[in-house]
Amino acid sequence: MNFQATSVLGYALPPVLGAVIGYVTNALAIKMLFRPLTEKRFLGIRIPFTPGIIPKKRYDLAHSIGTMVSRELLTEGIVAERLNRENFRDSIRIQISRFTEDIVSAPISRLFDNQDAEPENRLFPV
């Protein structure tokens, strides 16, 4: 079978050009969403689309996401139900018991004189 270069190029060129154009527009769109983080000015005039859309609207986004989470995912009933589960209460009792055992059995010097210790090695992290 003998293919001419023009027929192969005619079939290969459109998908390759489409991929390149798609990549460039997606990269540009992502950059416009997230960058720049602050407003940019040129000769005292704000450059359009600065800051990026997400940094500019971050407080509105955070509020709406928080509202949605509290309304749909972590309702008061769900939190109350989880807190009232026996295994949750048992795990809290175990953690409190371990903590109080550590305090009662530790020498007094370890309780207060270890400010230079790593936070995970302190009984009372500061």
Foldseek 3Di string as FASTA:
>chain_A
DDDDPVVVCVVPVVVVVVVVVVVVVVVVLVCLQQPDLAWDDDPNHTDPSPPRNCSVCVVVVVVVVVVCCCVPPVDPVVVVVVCPDPVNVVVVVVVVVVLVVCVVPDDPCQQPVPQVDDQVSHSDRD
